């Protein structure tokens, strides 16, 4: 079963920082522009929203594969370890190899909560 997630840790911080730079540039152009309809700001904000939706659907984890929005599929050698769990969310740690460790936040289903 696919679990979509939000990437945490160093990799998530870098990825989402670059993603939110687009939002801030779009907002700056929208507020500083003199035209009634600032098309460049609208285009940049639409690109940001598109990338945000793509990020949600392109990042998933199964028992054998980890897919990140900026990389191809990574085959997993071991299972994800639960670091923290509270109500409807859970933080997992996944060590892909000796150098790469990913942390991600997933939403728990009703079955998993009970």
C-alpha atoms as a PDB file:
ATOM      1  CA  UNK A   1       0.000   0.000   0.000  1.00  0.00           C
ATOM      2  CA  UNK A   2       1.303   3.442  -0.932  1.00  0.00           C
ATOM      3  CA  UNK A   3       1.825   5.933   1.873  1.00  0.00           C
ATOM      4  CA  UNK A   4       2.149   9.539   0.751  1.00  0.00           C
ATOM      5  CA  UNK A   5       4.264  11.654   3.064  1.00  0.00           C
ATOM      6  CA  UNK A   6       5.928  14.970   3.820  1.00  0.00           C
ATOM      7  CA  UNK A   7       9.694  14.813   3.797  1.00  0.00           C
ATOM      8  CA  UNK A   8      11.409  15.949   7.003  1.00  0.00           C
ATOM      9  CA  UNK A   9      15.028  16.313   8.065  1.00  0.00           C
ATOM     10  CA  UNK A  10      17.822  17.930   6.065  1.00  0.00           C
ATOM     11  CA  UNK A  11      16.501  16.757   2.702  1.00  0.00           C
ATOM     12  CA  UNK A  12      12.999  18.046   3.439  1.00  0.00           C
ATOM     13  CA  UNK A  13      14.285  21.367   4.730  1.00  0.00           C
ATOM     14  CA  UNK A  14      16.304  21.989   1.579  1.00  0.00           C
ATOM     15  CA  UNK A  15      13.545  20.828  -0.788  1.00  0.00           C
ATOM     16  CA  UNK A  16      10.733  22.812   0.835  1.00  0.00           C
ATOM     17  CA  UNK A  17      12.946  25.900   1.228  1.00  0.00           C
ATOM     18  CA  UNK A  18      13.454  26.025  -2.525  1.00  0.00           C
ATOM     19  CA  UNK A  19       9.778  25.340  -3.093  1.00  0.00           C
ATOM     20  CA  UNK A  20       8.604  28.122  -0.776  1.00  0.00           C
ATOM     21  CA  UNK A  21      11.035  30.591  -2.350  1.00  0.00           C
ATOM     22  CA  UNK A  22       8.736  30.422  -5.388  1.00  0.00           C
ATOM     23  CA  UNK A  23       5.755  31.345  -3.227  1.00  0.00           C
ATOM     24  CA  UNK A  24       7.563  34.286  -1.651  1.00  0.00           C
ATOM     25  CA  UNK A  25       8.756  35.599  -5.012  1.00  0.00           C
ATOM     26  CA  UNK A  26       5.203  35.350  -6.345  1.00  0.00           C
ATOM     27  CA  UNK A  27       3.814  37.201  -3.326  1.00  0.00           C
ATOM     28  CA  UNK A  28       6.477  39.911  -3.571  1.00  0.00           C
ATOM     29  CA  UNK A  29       5.682  40.429  -7.245  1.00  0.00           C
ATOM     30  CA  UNK A  30       1.953  40.542  -6.464  1.00  0.00           C
ATOM     31  CA  UNK A  31       2.275  43.153  -3.702  1.00  0.00           C
ATOM     32  CA  UNK A  32       4.953  45.290  -5.347  1.00  0.00           C
ATOM     33  CA  UNK A  33       3.461  45.288  -8.841  1.00  0.00           C
ATOM     34  CA  UNK A  34       1.667  48.355 -10.158  1.00  0.00           C
ATOM     35  CA  UNK A  35      -0.724  46.615 -12.539  1.00  0.00           C
ATOM     36  CA  UNK A  36      -4.178  45.523 -11.384  1.00  0.00           C
ATOM     37  CA  UNK A  37      -3.546  41.968 -12.535  1.00  0.00           C
ATOM     38  CA  UNK A  38       0.077  40.967 -12.206  1.00  0.00           C
ATOM     39  CA  UNK A  39       0.401  38.009 -14.568  1.00  0.00           C
ATOM     40  CA  UNK A  40       3.971  37.152 -13.625  1.00  0.00           C
ATOM     41  CA  UNK A  41       2.953  36.779  -9.957  1.00  0.00           C
ATOM     42  CA  UNK A  42      -0.040  34.632 -10.907  1.00  0.00           C
ATOM     43  CA  UNK A  43       2.117  32.363 -13.076  1.00  0.00           C
ATOM     44  CA  UNK A  44       4.757  31.909 -10.352  1.00  0.00           C
ATOM     45  CA  UNK A  45       2.133  31.152  -7.680  1.00  0.00           C
ATOM     46  CA  UNK A  46       0.410  28.647 -10.001  1.00  0.00           C
ATOM     47  CA  UNK A  47       3.805  26.975 -10.591  1.00  0.00           C
ATOM     48  CA  UNK A  48       4.284  26.818  -6.814  1.00  0.00           C
ATOM     49  CA  UNK A  49       0.847  25.214  -6.307  1.00  0.00           C
ATOM     50  CA  UNK A  50       1.518  22.744  -9.120  1.00  0.00           C
ATOM     51  CA  UNK A  51       4.857  21.729  -7.598  1.00  0.00           C
ATOM     52  CA  UNK A  52       3.267  21.417  -4.155  1.00  0.00           C
ATOM     53  CA  UNK A  53       0.562  19.071  -5.496  1.00  0.00           C
ATOM     54  CA  UNK A  54       3.179  17.156  -7.506  1.00  0.00           C
ATOM     55  CA  UNK A  55       5.298  16.808  -4.351  1.00  0.00           C
ATOM     56  CA  UNK A  56       2.410  15.263  -2.431  1.00  0.00           C
ATOM     57  CA  UNK A  57       1.560  12.725  -5.137  1.00  0.00           C
ATOM     58  CA  UNK A  58       5.139  11.975  -6.268  1.00  0.00           C
ATOM     59  CA  UNK A  59       6.483  11.188  -2.800  1.00  0.00           C
ATOM     60  CA  UNK A  60       5.392   7.837  -1.461  1.00  0.00           C
ATOM     61  CA  UNK A  61       6.726   4.820   0.318  1.00  0.00           C
ATOM     62  CA  UNK A  62       5.812   1.161   0.071  1.00  0.00           C
ATOM     63  CA  UNK A  63       7.429  -1.785   1.807  1.00  0.00           C
ATOM     64  CA  UNK A  64       9.977  -2.122  -1.018  1.00  0.00           C
ATOM     65  CA  UNK A  65      10.274   1.316  -2.678  1.00  0.00           C
ATOM     66  CA  UNK A  66      10.817   4.918  -1.603  1.00  0.00           C
ATOM     67  CA  UNK A  67       9.937   7.569  -4.197  1.00  0.00           C
ATOM     68  CA  UNK A  68      11.018  11.160  -3.655  1.00  0.00           C
ATOM     69  CA  UNK A  69       9.779  14.015  -5.867  1.00  0.00           C
ATOM     70  CA  UNK A  70      13.301  14.941  -6.992  1.00  0.00           C
ATOM     71  CA  UNK A  71      14.784  11.422  -7.390  1.00  0.00           C
ATOM     72  CA  UNK A  72      13.934   8.131  -8.954  1.00  0.00           C
ATOM     73  CA  UNK A  73      12.669   5.159  -6.994  1.00  0.00           C
ATOM     74  CA  UNK A  74      14.995   3.833  -4.320  1.00  0.00           C
ATOM     75  CA  UNK A  75      14.868   0.149  -3.409  1.00  0.00           C
ATOM     76  CA  UNK A  76      14.690  -0.391   0.307  1.00  0.00           C
ATOM     77  CA  UNK A  77      16.886  -2.854   2.132  1.00  0.00           C
ATOM     78  CA  UNK A  78      15.194  -2.499   5.496  1.00  0.00           C
ATOM     79  CA  UNK A  79      11.852  -1.487   6.943  1.00  0.00           C
ATOM     80  CA  UNK A  80      11.095   2.037   8.168  1.00  0.00           C
ATOM     81  CA  UNK A  81      11.476   2.585  11.892  1.00  0.00           C
ATOM     82  CA  UNK A  82       8.769   4.507  13.766  1.00  0.00           C
ATOM     83  CA  UNK A  83      10.334   7.422  15.634  1.00  0.00           C
ATOM     84  CA  UNK A  84       7.213   9.157  16.949  1.00  0.00           C
ATOM     85  CA  UNK A  85       3.468   8.578  16.738  1.00  0.00           C
ATOM     86  CA  UNK A  86       0.571  10.729  17.916  1.00  0.00           C
ATOM     87  CA  UNK A  87      -3.147  10.464  17.103  1.00  0.00           C
ATOM     88  CA  UNK A  88      -3.308  10.575  13.282  1.00  0.00           C
ATOM     89  CA  UNK A  89       0.328  11.153  12.336  1.00  0.00           C
ATOM     90  CA  UNK A  90       3.555   9.241  12.538  1.00  0.00           C
ATOM     91  CA  UNK A  91       7.212  10.115  11.920  1.00  0.00           C
ATOM     92  CA  UNK A  92       9.356   7.376  10.397  1.00  0.00           C
ATOM     93  CA  UNK A  93      13.098   7.025   9.875  1.00  0.00           C
ATOM     94  CA  UNK A  94      14.300   5.203   6.800  1.00  0.00           C
ATOM     95  CA  UNK A  95      17.952   4.385   6.265  1.00  0.00           C
ATOM     96  CA  UNK A  96      18.495   3.775   2.556  1.00  0.00           C
ATOM     97  CA  UNK A  97      22.242   3.172   2.731  1.00  0.00           C
ATOM     98  CA  UNK A  98      25.191   4.094   4.948  1.00  0.00           C
ATOM     99  CA  UNK A  99      25.051   7.767   3.985  1.00  0.00           C
ATOM    100  CA  UNK A 100      21.354   8.525   3.400  1.00  0.00           C
ATOM    101  CA  UNK A 101      18.750   8.609   6.142  1.00  0.00           C
ATOM    102  CA  UNK A 102      15.327  10.079   5.453  1.00  0.00           C
ATOM    103  CA  UNK A 103      12.685  11.180   7.946  1.00  0.00           C
ATOM    104  CA  UNK A 104       9.102  11.532   6.823  1.00  0.00           C
ATOM    105  CA  UNK A 105       5.665  12.316   8.244  1.00  0.00           C
ATOM    106  CA  UNK A 106       2.713  10.111   7.276  1.00  0.00           C
ATOM    107  CA  UNK A 107      -0.968  10.170   8.083  1.00  0.00           C
ATOM    108  CA  UNK A 108      -2.311   7.093   9.838  1.00  0.00           C
ATOM    109  CA  UNK A 109      -5.444   5.369   8.607  1.00  0.00           C
ATOM    110  CA  UNK A 110      -8.339   4.557  10.939  1.00  0.00           C
ATOM    111  CA  UNK A 111      -7.244   0.915  11.041  1.00  0.00           C
ATOM    112  CA  UNK A 112      -3.731   1.846  12.149  1.00  0.00           C
ATOM    113  CA  UNK A 113      -4.977   4.205  14.874  1.00  0.00           C
ATOM    114  CA  UNK A 114      -7.111   1.532  16.586  1.00  0.00           C
END
